[in-house]
Amino acid sequence: MLPSDGGEIRFRSARIEALAARRIARLGVARTFQHVNLVGSMTVLENVAIGAHLRGARGTVSAMLRMDREEEQRLLYEAVRQIERVGLGAHRMDAAASLPLGQQRLVEIARALAADPVLLLLDEPAAGLRYQEKQALAELLRKLRAEGVSILLVEHDMDFVMGLVDRLVVMDFGEKIAEGLPRDIQANPAVIEAYLGGIE
């Protein structure tokens, strides 16, 4: 979302750091932000359909003007499929703002999935969630991983992360201090010092 000021970003061997967000999304990368970013007055279905429109040939404006009803129906069907995939089928006609935070995060993930990503980027998805909501989110992420979706997760909740990921990179003030398997990271002295304040 921000222009890079150095280095390279590669996805499937191709450099993407200079591409517009829409082009990156079309290559198969979808994302959610730390803060919920839904159109509260729109239904869950309408919010998720925004993500599905990346798959359309005619674009969002054509869809809004209903210039291609067949494509519109196909994209709405895809949106419904993703809403059901995240477990919110009973809420698809509810206003997005009426849902609790945990379900709003699931709507955002459904919207990202509607773009049919190969790689799903999630920024602090567990932030502000209650225990049960975190458990539901973790269950969904495990399901997506089992379905073959690669997930890059940025998260500060170490308990949430440890039982969920295959590999960890730990950052401290913008510097990488450790990388490896969860069991190795838990025993890493630099990680313990940075996140737990050291051991007495």
N, C-alpha and C. Protein backbone atom coordinates (compact mmCIF):
# COMPACT_ATOMS: atom_id res chain seq x y z
N MET A 1 0.82 -1.21 0.00
CA MET A 1 0.00 0.00 0.00
C MET A 1 0.86 1.26 0.00
N LEU A 2 2.09 1.17 0.52
CA LEU A 2 3.00 2.31 0.52
C LEU A 2 4.16 2.02 -0.41
N PRO A 3 4.67 3.04 -1.10
CA PRO A 3 5.82 2.79 -1.98
C PRO A 3 7.03 2.37 -1.16
N SER A 4 7.77 1.41 -1.66
CA SER A 4 8.96 0.95 -0.93
C SER A 4 10.08 1.96 -1.13
N ASP A 5 10.94 2.08 -0.13
CA ASP A 5 12.07 2.98 -0.29
C ASP A 5 13.38 2.21 -0.38
N GLY A 6 13.27 0.89 -0.58
CA GLY A 6 14.47 0.09 -0.77
C GLY A 6 14.13 -1.39 -0.81
N GLY A 7 15.06 -2.18 -1.29
CA GLY A 7 14.89 -3.62 -1.31
C GLY A 7 13.98 -4.11 -2.43
N GLU A 8 13.68 -5.41 -2.38
CA GLU A 8 12.84 -6.04 -3.38
C GLU A 8 11.75 -6.85 -2.70
N ILE A 9 10.60 -6.93 -3.35
CA ILE A 9 9.53 -7.83 -2.92
C ILE A 9 9.25 -8.74 -4.10
N ARG A 10 9.38 -10.03 -3.87
CA ARG A 10 9.14 -11.00 -4.93
C ARG A 10 7.98 -11.90 -4.57
N PHE A 11 7.15 -12.16 -5.56
CA PHE A 11 6.03 -13.09 -5.41
C PHE A 11 6.03 -13.99 -6.64
N ARG A 12 6.14 -15.30 -6.40
CA ARG A 12 6.26 -16.26 -7.50
C ARG A 12 7.37 -15.86 -8.46
N SER A 13 8.50 -15.50 -7.88
CA SER A 13 9.74 -15.16 -8.61
C SER A 13 9.71 -13.83 -9.34
N ALA A 14 8.59 -13.12 -9.32
CA ALA A 14 8.51 -11.84 -10.02
C ALA A 14 8.55 -10.70 -9.01
N ARG A 15 9.25 -9.64 -9.35
CA ARG A 15 9.30 -8.46 -8.49
C ARG A 15 7.97 -7.72 -8.56
N ILE A 16 7.44 -7.35 -7.40
CA ILE A 16 6.12 -6.69 -7.36
C ILE A 16 6.12 -5.37 -6.61
N GLU A 17 7.27 -4.95 -6.07
CA GLU A 17 7.25 -3.76 -5.21
C GLU A 17 6.82 -2.49 -5.94
N ALA A 18 6.96 -2.44 -7.25
CA ALA A 18 6.59 -1.23 -7.99
C ALA A 18 5.17 -1.30 -8.55
N LEU A 19 4.48 -2.40 -8.34
CA LEU A 19 3.15 -2.56 -8.92
C LEU A 19 2.08 -1.89 -8.05
N ALA A 20 1.00 -1.47 -8.68
CA ALA A 20 -0.15 -0.93 -7.96
C ALA A 20 -0.83 -2.05 -7.18
N ALA A 21 -1.52 -1.68 -6.11
CA ALA A 21 -2.18 -2.68 -5.25
C ALA A 21 -3.13 -3.56 -6.04
N ARG A 22 -3.86 -2.98 -6.98
CA ARG A 22 -4.81 -3.77 -7.77
C ARG A 22 -4.10 -4.83 -8.62
N ARG A 23 -2.93 -4.47 -9.18
CA ARG A 23 -2.16 -5.44 -9.98
C ARG A 23 -1.65 -6.57 -9.09
N ILE A 24 -1.20 -6.21 -7.89
CA ILE A 24 -0.71 -7.23 -6.95
C ILE A 24 -1.85 -8.17 -6.58
N ALA A 25 -3.03 -7.61 -6.34
CA ALA A 25 -4.19 -8.44 -6.01
C ALA A 25 -4.53 -9.39 -7.14
N ARG A 26 -4.44 -8.92 -8.37
CA ARG A 26 -4.73 -9.79 -9.52
C ARG A 26 -3.72 -10.92 -9.67
N LEU A 27 -2.52 -10.74 -9.12
CA LEU A 27 -1.51 -11.80 -9.16
C LEU A 27 -1.80 -12.89 -8.12
N GLY A 28 -2.72 -12.60 -7.19
CA GLY A 28 -3.09 -13.62 -6.21
C GLY A 28 -2.75 -13.28 -4.78
N VAL A 29 -2.58 -12.01 -4.47
CA VAL A 29 -2.28 -11.59 -3.10
C VAL A 29 -3.47 -10.76 -2.60
N ALA A 30 -4.04 -11.16 -1.47
CA ALA A 30 -5.13 -10.41 -0.85
C ALA A 30 -4.74 -10.10 0.59
N ARG A 31 -5.34 -9.07 1.17
CA ARG A 31 -4.94 -8.67 2.51
C ARG A 31 -6.12 -8.09 3.30
N THR A 32 -5.93 -8.09 4.62
CA THR A 32 -6.81 -7.35 5.52
C THR A 32 -5.93 -6.44 6.36
N PHE A 33 -6.52 -5.39 6.90
CA PHE A 33 -5.79 -4.46 7.73
C PHE A 33 -6.05 -4.73 9.20
N GLN A 34 -5.22 -4.11 10.08
CA GLN A 34 -5.38 -4.27 11.52
C GLN A 34 -6.73 -3.74 11.99
N HIS A 35 -7.12 -2.58 11.47
CA HIS A 35 -8.39 -1.98 11.87
C HIS A 35 -9.46 -2.38 10.86
N VAL A 36 -10.60 -2.78 11.37
CA VAL A 36 -11.70 -3.21 10.50
C VAL A 36 -12.04 -2.10 9.52
N ASN A 37 -12.16 -2.48 8.27
CA ASN A 37 -12.38 -1.50 7.21
C ASN A 37 -13.54 -1.96 6.32
N LEU A 38 -14.74 -2.00 6.91
CA LEU A 38 -15.94 -2.39 6.18
C LEU A 38 -16.82 -1.17 5.95
N VAL A 39 -17.71 -1.27 4.98
CA VAL A 39 -18.73 -0.23 4.80
C VAL A 39 -19.89 -0.64 5.69
N GLY A 40 -20.00 -0.01 6.85
CA GLY A 40 -20.94 -0.43 7.89
C GLY A 40 -22.39 -0.47 7.47
N SER A 41 -22.79 0.44 6.58
CA SER A 41 -24.19 0.50 6.17
C SER A 41 -24.53 -0.54 5.10
N MET A 42 -23.53 -1.13 4.50
CA MET A 42 -23.76 -2.16 3.49
C MET A 42 -23.90 -3.52 4.16
N THR A 43 -24.56 -4.44 3.50
CA THR A 43 -24.71 -5.79 4.04
C THR A 43 -23.39 -6.53 3.98
N VAL A 44 -23.33 -7.63 4.70
CA VAL A 44 -22.18 -8.51 4.65
C VAL A 44 -21.95 -8.94 3.19
N LEU A 45 -23.02 -9.33 2.51
CA LEU A 45 -22.92 -9.76 1.12
C LEU A 45 -22.32 -8.67 0.24
N GLU A 46 -22.79 -7.45 0.40
CA GLU A 46 -22.28 -6.35 -0.43
C GLU A 46 -20.80 -6.09 -0.15
N ASN A 47 -20.40 -6.15 1.12
CA ASN A 47 -19.00 -5.95 1.47
C ASN A 47 -18.12 -7.01 0.86
N VAL A 48 -18.53 -8.26 0.94
CA VAL A 48 -17.71 -9.35 0.40
C VAL A 48 -17.70 -9.30 -1.13
N ALA A 49 -18.80 -8.88 -1.73
CA ALA A 49 -18.87 -8.79 -3.19
C ALA A 49 -17.83 -7.81 -3.74
N ILE A 50 -17.44 -6.82 -2.95
CA ILE A 50 -16.39 -5.89 -3.38
C ILE A 50 -15.12 -6.67 -3.72
N GLY A 51 -14.77 -7.64 -2.88
CA GLY A 51 -13.59 -8.46 -3.16
C GLY A 51 -13.77 -9.32 -4.39
N ALA A 52 -14.97 -9.83 -4.59
CA ALA A 52 -15.24 -10.69 -5.75
C ALA A 52 -15.09 -9.93 -7.05
N HIS A 53 -15.32 -8.62 -7.03
CA HIS A 53 -15.25 -7.84 -8.28
C HIS A 53 -13.85 -7.79 -8.87
N LEU A 54 -12.82 -8.09 -8.08
CA LEU A 54 -11.47 -8.19 -8.64
C LEU A 54 -11.38 -9.33 -9.65
N ARG A 55 -12.28 -10.32 -9.51
CA ARG A 55 -12.27 -11.47 -10.42
C ARG A 55 -13.05 -11.21 -11.69
N GLY A 56 -13.82 -10.13 -11.70
CA GLY A 56 -14.65 -9.83 -12.86
C GLY A 56 -13.85 -9.21 -13.99
N ALA A 57 -14.36 -9.33 -15.18
CA ALA A 57 -13.70 -8.78 -16.36
C ALA A 57 -14.12 -7.34 -16.61
N ARG A 58 -15.29 -6.95 -16.11
CA ARG A 58 -15.84 -5.64 -16.46
C ARG A 58 -15.57 -4.56 -15.43
N GLY A 59 -15.15 -4.93 -14.23
CA GLY A 59 -14.79 -3.93 -13.24
C GLY A 59 -15.95 -3.53 -12.34
N THR A 60 -15.60 -2.84 -11.27
CA THR A 60 -16.56 -2.45 -10.25
C THR A 60 -17.60 -1.47 -10.77
N VAL A 61 -17.18 -0.49 -11.57
CA VAL A 61 -18.12 0.53 -12.06
C VAL A 61 -19.19 -0.12 -12.94
N SER A 62 -18.79 -0.99 -13.84
CA SER A 62 -19.77 -1.69 -14.69
C SER A 62 -20.74 -2.48 -13.85
N ALA A 63 -20.21 -3.12 -12.79
CA ALA A 63 -21.07 -3.92 -11.92
C ALA A 63 -22.06 -3.01 -11.18
N MET A 64 -21.58 -1.87 -10.71
CA MET A 64 -22.45 -0.95 -9.99
C MET A 64 -23.57 -0.43 -10.90
N LEU A 65 -23.25 -0.25 -12.16
CA LEU A 65 -24.24 0.23 -13.12
C LEU A 65 -25.07 -0.91 -13.72
N ARG A 66 -24.78 -2.14 -13.25
CA ARG A 66 -25.51 -3.33 -13.69
C ARG A 66 -25.46 -3.52 -15.20
N MET A 67 -24.26 -3.32 -15.77
CA MET A 67 -24.09 -3.44 -17.21
C MET A 67 -23.92 -4.90 -17.65
N ASP A 68 -23.58 -5.77 -16.71
CA ASP A 68 -23.40 -7.17 -17.06
C ASP A 68 -24.01 -8.02 -15.95
N ARG A 69 -25.29 -8.30 -16.06
CA ARG A 69 -26.01 -9.01 -15.00
C ARG A 69 -25.50 -10.44 -14.81
N GLU A 70 -25.08 -11.08 -15.88
CA GLU A 70 -24.60 -12.46 -15.75
C GLU A 70 -23.32 -12.50 -14.91
N GLU A 71 -22.40 -11.58 -15.20
CA GLU A 71 -21.18 -11.53 -14.40
C GLU A 71 -21.50 -11.14 -12.97
N GLU A 72 -22.41 -10.20 -12.79
CA GLU A 72 -22.80 -9.76 -11.45
C GLU A 72 -23.34 -10.93 -10.63
N GLN A 73 -24.16 -11.76 -11.22
CA GLN A 73 -24.71 -12.93 -10.52
C GLN A 73 -23.62 -13.92 -10.16
N ARG A 74 -22.67 -14.10 -11.07
CA ARG A 74 -21.56 -15.03 -10.79
C ARG A 74 -20.72 -14.51 -9.63
N LEU A 75 -20.46 -13.21 -9.59
CA LEU A 75 -19.65 -12.64 -8.51
C LEU A 75 -20.40 -12.65 -7.18
N LEU A 76 -21.70 -12.41 -7.22
CA LEU A 76 -22.49 -12.50 -5.99
C LEU A 76 -22.52 -13.92 -5.46
N TYR A 77 -22.60 -14.89 -6.36
CA TYR A 77 -22.54 -16.30 -5.95
C TYR A 77 -21.21 -16.59 -5.26
N GLU A 78 -20.12 -16.06 -5.83
CA GLU A 78 -18.80 -16.25 -5.22
C GLU A 78 -18.75 -15.60 -3.84
N ALA A 79 -19.35 -14.42 -3.70
CA ALA A 79 -19.37 -13.75 -2.40
C ALA A 79 -20.13 -14.59 -1.38
N VAL A 80 -21.27 -15.15 -1.77
CA VAL A 80 -22.05 -16.01 -0.87
C VAL A 80 -21.22 -17.22 -0.46
N ARG A 81 -20.51 -17.80 -1.41
CA ARG A 81 -19.69 -18.98 -1.13
C ARG A 81 -18.62 -18.67 -0.09
N GLN A 82 -18.00 -17.50 -0.20
CA GLN A 82 -16.95 -17.14 0.76
C GLN A 82 -17.54 -16.79 2.13
N ILE A 83 -18.71 -16.20 2.15
CA ILE A 83 -19.38 -15.91 3.43
C ILE A 83 -19.68 -17.22 4.15
N GLU A 84 -20.15 -18.19 3.42
CA GLU A 84 -20.41 -19.49 4.03
C GLU A 84 -19.11 -20.17 4.45
N ARG A 85 -18.08 -19.99 3.68
CA ARG A 85 -16.77 -20.59 3.98
C ARG A 85 -16.24 -20.13 5.33
N VAL A 86 -16.51 -18.86 5.69
CA VAL A 86 -16.03 -18.34 6.98
C VAL A 86 -17.06 -18.51 8.09
N GLY A 87 -18.19 -19.15 7.79
CA GLY A 87 -19.18 -19.47 8.81
C GLY A 87 -20.20 -18.39 9.10
N LEU A 88 -20.40 -17.46 8.18
CA LEU A 88 -21.33 -16.36 8.43
C LEU A 88 -22.55 -16.39 7.50
N GLY A 89 -22.88 -17.55 6.96
CA GLY A 89 -23.99 -17.66 6.02
C GLY A 89 -25.30 -17.08 6.55
N ALA A 90 -25.55 -17.23 7.83
CA ALA A 90 -26.80 -16.73 8.42
C ALA A 90 -26.83 -15.21 8.53
N HIS A 91 -25.70 -14.56 8.30
CA HIS A 91 -25.60 -13.09 8.48
C HIS A 91 -25.39 -12.35 7.17
N ARG A 92 -25.52 -13.01 6.04
CA ARG A 92 -25.13 -12.36 4.79
C ARG A 92 -25.96 -11.12 4.44
N MET A 93 -27.20 -11.03 4.94
CA MET A 93 -28.01 -9.85 4.65
C MET A 93 -28.02 -8.84 5.81
N ASP A 94 -27.24 -9.11 6.86
CA ASP A 94 -27.13 -8.17 7.98
C ASP A 94 -26.22 -7.01 7.60
N ALA A 95 -26.48 -5.85 8.16
CA ALA A 95 -25.57 -4.72 7.99
C ALA A 95 -24.24 -5.07 8.66
N ALA A 96 -23.15 -4.80 7.99
CA ALA A 96 -21.83 -5.17 8.52
C ALA A 96 -21.58 -4.55 9.89
N ALA A 97 -22.05 -3.32 10.09
CA ALA A 97 -21.82 -2.63 11.36
C ALA A 97 -22.57 -3.26 12.53
N SER A 98 -23.57 -4.08 12.25
CA SER A 98 -24.36 -4.69 13.32
C SER A 98 -23.68 -5.92 13.92
N LEU A 99 -22.62 -6.39 13.30
CA LEU A 99 -21.94 -7.60 13.78
C LEU A 99 -20.90 -7.26 14.85
N PRO A 100 -20.64 -8.18 15.77
CA PRO A 100 -19.54 -7.96 16.72
C PRO A 100 -18.20 -7.97 15.99
N LEU A 101 -17.17 -7.44 16.66
CA LEU A 101 -15.86 -7.27 16.04
C LEU A 101 -15.32 -8.57 15.44
N GLY A 102 -15.44 -9.67 16.17
CA GLY A 102 -14.90 -10.94 15.67
C GLY A 102 -15.53 -11.34 14.34
N GLN A 103 -16.82 -11.14 14.21
CA GLN A 103 -17.50 -11.48 12.96
C GLN A 103 -17.15 -10.47 11.86
N GLN A 104 -16.95 -9.22 12.23
CA GLN A 104 -16.53 -8.23 11.23
C GLN A 104 -15.17 -8.62 10.64
N ARG A 105 -14.28 -9.13 11.46
CA ARG A 105 -12.97 -9.58 10.94
C ARG A 105 -13.16 -10.75 9.98
N LEU A 106 -14.10 -11.64 10.29
CA LEU A 106 -14.37 -12.75 9.38
C LEU A 106 -14.94 -12.25 8.06
N VAL A 107 -15.74 -11.20 8.10
CA VAL A 107 -16.27 -10.60 6.86
C VAL A 107 -15.10 -10.08 6.02
N GLU A 108 -14.14 -9.43 6.67
CA GLU A 108 -12.98 -8.92 5.93
C GLU A 108 -12.18 -10.06 5.30
N ILE A 109 -12.04 -11.15 6.03
CA ILE A 109 -11.33 -12.30 5.47
C ILE A 109 -12.11 -12.88 4.31
N ALA A 110 -13.43 -12.97 4.43
CA ALA A 110 -14.26 -13.45 3.33
C ALA A 110 -14.10 -12.56 2.11
N ARG A 111 -14.05 -11.25 2.32
CA ARG A 111 -13.87 -10.32 1.20
C ARG A 111 -12.53 -10.55 0.52
N ALA A 112 -11.49 -10.77 1.30
CA ALA A 112 -10.17 -11.06 0.73
C ALA A 112 -10.19 -12.39 -0.03
N LEU A 113 -10.85 -13.40 0.54
CA LEU A 113 -10.93 -14.71 -0.12
C LEU A 113 -11.72 -14.66 -1.41
N ALA A 114 -12.66 -13.73 -1.50
CA ALA A 114 -13.48 -13.61 -2.72
C ALA A 114 -12.64 -13.22 -3.92
N ALA A 115 -11.45 -12.69 -3.69
CA ALA A 115 -10.53 -12.34 -4.79
C ALA A 115 -9.72 -13.56 -5.23
N ASP A 116 -9.94 -14.72 -4.60
CA ASP A 116 -9.27 -15.98 -4.94
C ASP A 116 -7.75 -15.88 -4.80
N PRO A 117 -7.28 -15.54 -3.60
CA PRO A 117 -5.83 -15.36 -3.43
C PRO A 117 -5.07 -16.68 -3.30
N VAL A 118 -3.80 -16.62 -3.69
CA VAL A 118 -2.84 -17.68 -3.41
C VAL A 118 -2.19 -17.40 -2.06
N LEU A 119 -2.00 -16.12 -1.78
CA LEU A 119 -1.39 -15.67 -0.54
C LEU A 119 -2.32 -14.68 0.15
N LEU A 120 -2.64 -14.95 1.40
CA LEU A 120 -3.52 -14.10 2.20
C LEU A 120 -2.68 -13.41 3.27
N LEU A 121 -2.65 -12.07 3.25
CA LEU A 121 -1.90 -11.28 4.22
C LEU A 121 -2.86 -10.76 5.28
N LEU A 122 -2.60 -11.09 6.54
CA LEU A 122 -3.48 -10.67 7.63
C LEU A 122 -2.67 -9.84 8.63
N ASP A 123 -3.11 -8.61 8.87
CA ASP A 123 -2.41 -7.72 9.79
C ASP A 123 -3.18 -7.66 11.11
N GLU A 124 -2.61 -8.25 12.14
CA GLU A 124 -3.18 -8.25 13.49
C GLU A 124 -4.65 -8.68 13.52
N PRO A 125 -4.98 -9.82 12.95
CA PRO A 125 -6.39 -10.22 12.92
C PRO A 125 -6.99 -10.52 14.29
N ALA A 126 -6.17 -10.85 15.28
CA ALA A 126 -6.70 -11.17 16.61
C ALA A 126 -6.80 -9.95 17.51
N ALA A 127 -6.35 -8.80 17.05
CA ALA A 127 -6.35 -7.60 17.89
C ALA A 127 -7.77 -7.23 18.33
N GLY A 128 -7.96 -7.08 19.62
CA GLY A 128 -9.24 -6.67 20.17
C GLY A 128 -10.29 -7.76 20.29
N LEU A 129 -9.93 -8.99 19.91
CA LEU A 129 -10.92 -10.07 19.96
C LEU A 129 -10.95 -10.73 21.33
N ARG A 130 -12.14 -11.21 21.72
CA ARG A 130 -12.29 -11.97 22.95
C ARG A 130 -11.79 -13.40 22.69
N TYR A 131 -11.63 -14.15 23.77
CA TYR A 131 -11.06 -15.50 23.67
C TYR A 131 -11.81 -16.38 22.67
N GLN A 132 -13.15 -16.42 22.77
CA GLN A 132 -13.94 -17.27 21.87
C GLN A 132 -13.80 -16.83 20.41
N GLU A 133 -13.71 -15.51 20.19
CA GLU A 133 -13.54 -15.00 18.84
C GLU A 133 -12.18 -15.39 18.28
N LYS A 134 -11.16 -15.36 19.13
CA LYS A 134 -9.82 -15.79 18.70
C LYS A 134 -9.82 -17.26 18.33
N GLN A 135 -10.54 -18.06 19.11
CA GLN A 135 -10.60 -19.49 18.82
C GLN A 135 -11.28 -19.74 17.47
N ALA A 136 -12.35 -19.01 17.20
CA ALA A 136 -13.06 -19.15 15.92
C ALA A 136 -12.15 -18.72 14.76
N LEU A 137 -11.40 -17.64 14.96
CA LEU A 137 -10.48 -17.17 13.93
C LEU A 137 -9.37 -18.20 13.68
N ALA A 138 -8.81 -18.73 14.75
CA ALA A 138 -7.75 -19.74 14.61
C ALA A 138 -8.26 -20.97 13.87
N GLU A 139 -9.47 -21.39 14.18
CA GLU A 139 -10.06 -22.53 13.49
C GLU A 139 -10.21 -22.27 11.99
N LEU A 140 -10.65 -21.06 11.65
CA LEU A 140 -10.80 -20.70 10.24
C LEU A 140 -9.44 -20.69 9.55
N LEU A 141 -8.42 -20.12 10.18
CA LEU A 141 -7.10 -20.06 9.55
C LEU A 141 -6.51 -21.45 9.34
N ARG A 142 -6.74 -22.34 10.29
CA ARG A 142 -6.28 -23.73 10.10
C ARG A 142 -6.99 -24.38 8.92
N LYS A 143 -8.28 -24.12 8.80
CA LYS A 143 -9.07 -24.66 7.70
C LYS A 143 -8.55 -24.15 6.36
N LEU A 144 -8.28 -22.84 6.28
CA LEU A 144 -7.78 -22.26 5.03
C LEU A 144 -6.42 -22.83 4.67
N ARG A 145 -5.57 -23.00 5.66
CA ARG A 145 -4.24 -23.59 5.41
C ARG A 145 -4.39 -25.00 4.88
N ALA A 146 -5.31 -25.76 5.45
CA ALA A 146 -5.55 -27.14 5.00
C ALA A 146 -6.08 -27.17 3.56
N GLU A 147 -6.75 -26.10 3.16
CA GLU A 147 -7.29 -26.00 1.79
C GLU A 147 -6.23 -25.52 0.80
N GLY A 148 -5.03 -25.19 1.29
CA GLY A 148 -3.95 -24.80 0.39
C GLY A 148 -3.70 -23.32 0.27
N VAL A 149 -4.36 -22.50 1.09
CA VAL A 149 -4.12 -21.06 1.06
C VAL A 149 -2.89 -20.76 1.92
N SER A 150 -1.91 -20.07 1.34
CA SER A 150 -0.75 -19.63 2.12
C SER A 150 -1.15 -18.36 2.87
N ILE A 151 -0.75 -18.29 4.14
CA ILE A 151 -1.14 -17.15 4.98
C ILE A 151 0.11 -16.55 5.60
N LEU A 152 0.25 -15.23 5.44
CA LEU A 152 1.30 -14.48 6.12
C LEU A 152 0.60 -13.64 7.18
N LEU A 153 0.91 -13.91 8.43
CA LEU A 153 0.19 -13.35 9.56
C LEU A 153 1.13 -12.44 10.35
N VAL A 154 0.73 -11.19 10.54
CA VAL A 154 1.45 -10.28 11.44
C VAL A 154 0.62 -10.21 12.71
N GLU A 155 1.22 -10.59 13.84
CA GLU A 155 0.42 -10.70 15.06
C GLU A 155 1.33 -10.57 16.28
N HIS A 156 0.86 -9.85 17.30
CA HIS A 156 1.61 -9.68 18.54
C HIS A 156 1.19 -10.67 19.63
N ASP A 157 0.06 -11.30 19.47
CA ASP A 157 -0.45 -12.24 20.47
C ASP A 157 0.28 -13.57 20.32
N MET A 158 1.33 -13.75 21.11
CA MET A 158 2.18 -14.94 20.97
C MET A 158 1.43 -16.24 21.25
N ASP A 159 0.51 -16.23 22.22
CA ASP A 159 -0.26 -17.45 22.50
C ASP A 159 -1.10 -17.84 21.28
N PHE A 160 -1.68 -16.86 20.63
CA PHE A 160 -2.49 -17.10 19.44
C PHE A 160 -1.63 -17.68 18.31
N VAL A 161 -0.46 -17.12 18.14
CA VAL A 161 0.41 -17.49 17.03
C VAL A 161 1.03 -18.87 17.22
N MET A 162 1.48 -19.18 18.40
CA MET A 162 2.28 -20.40 18.62
C MET A 162 1.58 -21.68 18.20
N GLY A 163 0.29 -21.78 18.44
CA GLY A 163 -0.40 -23.01 18.07
C GLY A 163 -0.96 -23.00 16.66
N LEU A 164 -0.57 -21.99 15.89
CA LEU A 164 -1.21 -21.79 14.60
C LEU A 164 -0.27 -21.85 13.41
N VAL A 165 0.96 -21.41 13.60
CA VAL A 165 1.85 -21.23 12.45
C VAL A 165 2.87 -22.35 12.30
N ASP A 166 3.37 -22.47 11.07
CA ASP A 166 4.44 -23.44 10.79
C ASP A 166 5.81 -22.85 11.05
N ARG A 167 5.94 -21.56 10.80
CA ARG A 167 7.23 -20.89 10.89
C ARG A 167 7.01 -19.46 11.38
N LEU A 168 7.96 -18.97 12.16
CA LEU A 168 7.87 -17.62 12.73
C LEU A 168 9.09 -16.78 12.37
N VAL A 169 8.85 -15.50 12.16
CA VAL A 169 9.91 -14.49 12.11
C VAL A 169 9.55 -13.49 13.20
N VAL A 170 10.48 -13.25 14.11
CA VAL A 170 10.22 -12.35 15.23
C VAL A 170 10.97 -11.04 14.99
N MET A 171 10.22 -9.95 15.08
CA MET A 171 10.78 -8.61 14.89
C MET A 171 10.76 -7.86 16.22
N ASP A 172 11.75 -7.03 16.44
CA ASP A 172 11.80 -6.17 17.61
C ASP A 172 12.26 -4.80 17.14
N PHE A 173 11.36 -3.82 17.19
CA PHE A 173 11.64 -2.47 16.71
C PHE A 173 12.19 -2.47 15.28
N GLY A 174 11.55 -3.25 14.42
CA GLY A 174 11.91 -3.26 13.00
C GLY A 174 13.09 -4.13 12.62
N GLU A 175 13.71 -4.79 13.58
CA GLU A 175 14.85 -5.66 13.31
C GLU A 175 14.46 -7.11 13.53
N LYS A 176 14.86 -7.98 12.60
CA LYS A 176 14.60 -9.41 12.77
C LYS A 176 15.55 -9.96 13.82
N ILE A 177 14.98 -10.57 14.87
CA ILE A 177 15.83 -11.12 15.93
C ILE A 177 15.81 -12.64 15.97
N ALA A 178 14.84 -13.25 15.27
CA ALA A 178 14.79 -14.72 15.26
C ALA A 178 13.90 -15.19 14.13
N GLU A 179 14.18 -16.42 13.68
CA GLU A 179 13.35 -17.06 12.65
C GLU A 179 13.46 -18.56 12.85
N GLY A 180 12.31 -19.25 12.76
CA GLY A 180 12.36 -20.70 12.89
C GLY A 180 11.02 -21.31 13.26
N LEU A 181 11.08 -22.54 13.75
CA LEU A 181 9.89 -23.26 14.16
C LEU A 181 9.39 -22.71 15.50
N PRO A 182 8.08 -22.81 15.76
CA PRO A 182 7.55 -22.28 17.03
C PRO A 182 8.28 -22.78 18.27
N ARG A 183 8.60 -24.08 18.33
CA ARG A 183 9.26 -24.61 19.53
C ARG A 183 10.66 -24.00 19.73
N ASP A 184 11.34 -23.70 18.61
CA ASP A 184 12.66 -23.07 18.71
C ASP A 184 12.55 -21.62 19.14
N ILE A 185 11.54 -20.94 18.62
CA ILE A 185 11.35 -19.53 18.95
C ILE A 185 11.02 -19.36 20.43
N GLN A 186 10.21 -20.27 20.97
CA GLN A 186 9.82 -20.18 22.39
C GLN A 186 11.03 -20.25 23.32
N ALA A 187 12.07 -20.94 22.88
CA ALA A 187 13.26 -21.11 23.72
C ALA A 187 14.38 -20.13 23.35
N ASN A 188 14.14 -19.26 22.39
CA ASN A 188 15.18 -18.35 21.91
C ASN A 188 15.41 -17.23 22.93
N PRO A 189 16.65 -17.07 23.44
CA PRO A 189 16.92 -16.06 24.46
C PRO A 189 16.60 -14.63 24.02
N ALA A 190 16.87 -14.30 22.76
CA ALA A 190 16.60 -12.95 22.27
C ALA A 190 15.10 -12.66 22.26
N VAL A 191 14.29 -13.66 21.92
CA VAL A 191 12.84 -13.50 21.91
C VAL A 191 12.32 -13.36 23.34
N ILE A 192 12.84 -14.18 24.24
CA ILE A 192 12.42 -14.12 25.64
C ILE A 192 12.76 -12.75 26.22
N GLU A 193 13.93 -12.25 25.91
CA GLU A 193 14.35 -10.93 26.41
C GLU A 193 13.45 -9.83 25.86
N ALA A 194 13.16 -9.87 24.55
CA ALA A 194 12.39 -8.80 23.91
C ALA A 194 10.93 -8.81 24.31
N TYR A 195 10.35 -10.01 24.44
CA TYR A 195 8.90 -10.09 24.66
C TYR A 195 8.52 -10.38 26.11
N LEU A 196 9.42 -10.96 26.87
CA LEU A 196 9.08 -11.29 28.25
C LEU A 196 9.94 -10.55 29.26
N GLY A 197 10.91 -9.76 28.78
CA GLY A 197 11.74 -8.98 29.69
C GLY A 197 12.84 -9.76 30.35
N GLY A 198 13.18 -10.92 29.81
CA GLY A 198 14.26 -11.72 30.35
C GLY A 198 13.81 -12.68 31.42
N ILE A 199 14.72 -13.54 31.83
CA ILE A 199 14.41 -14.57 32.83
C ILE A 199 15.28 -14.30 34.06
N GLU A 200 14.66 -14.33 35.21
CA GLU A 200 15.40 -14.13 36.46
C GLU A 200 16.10 -15.41 36.86
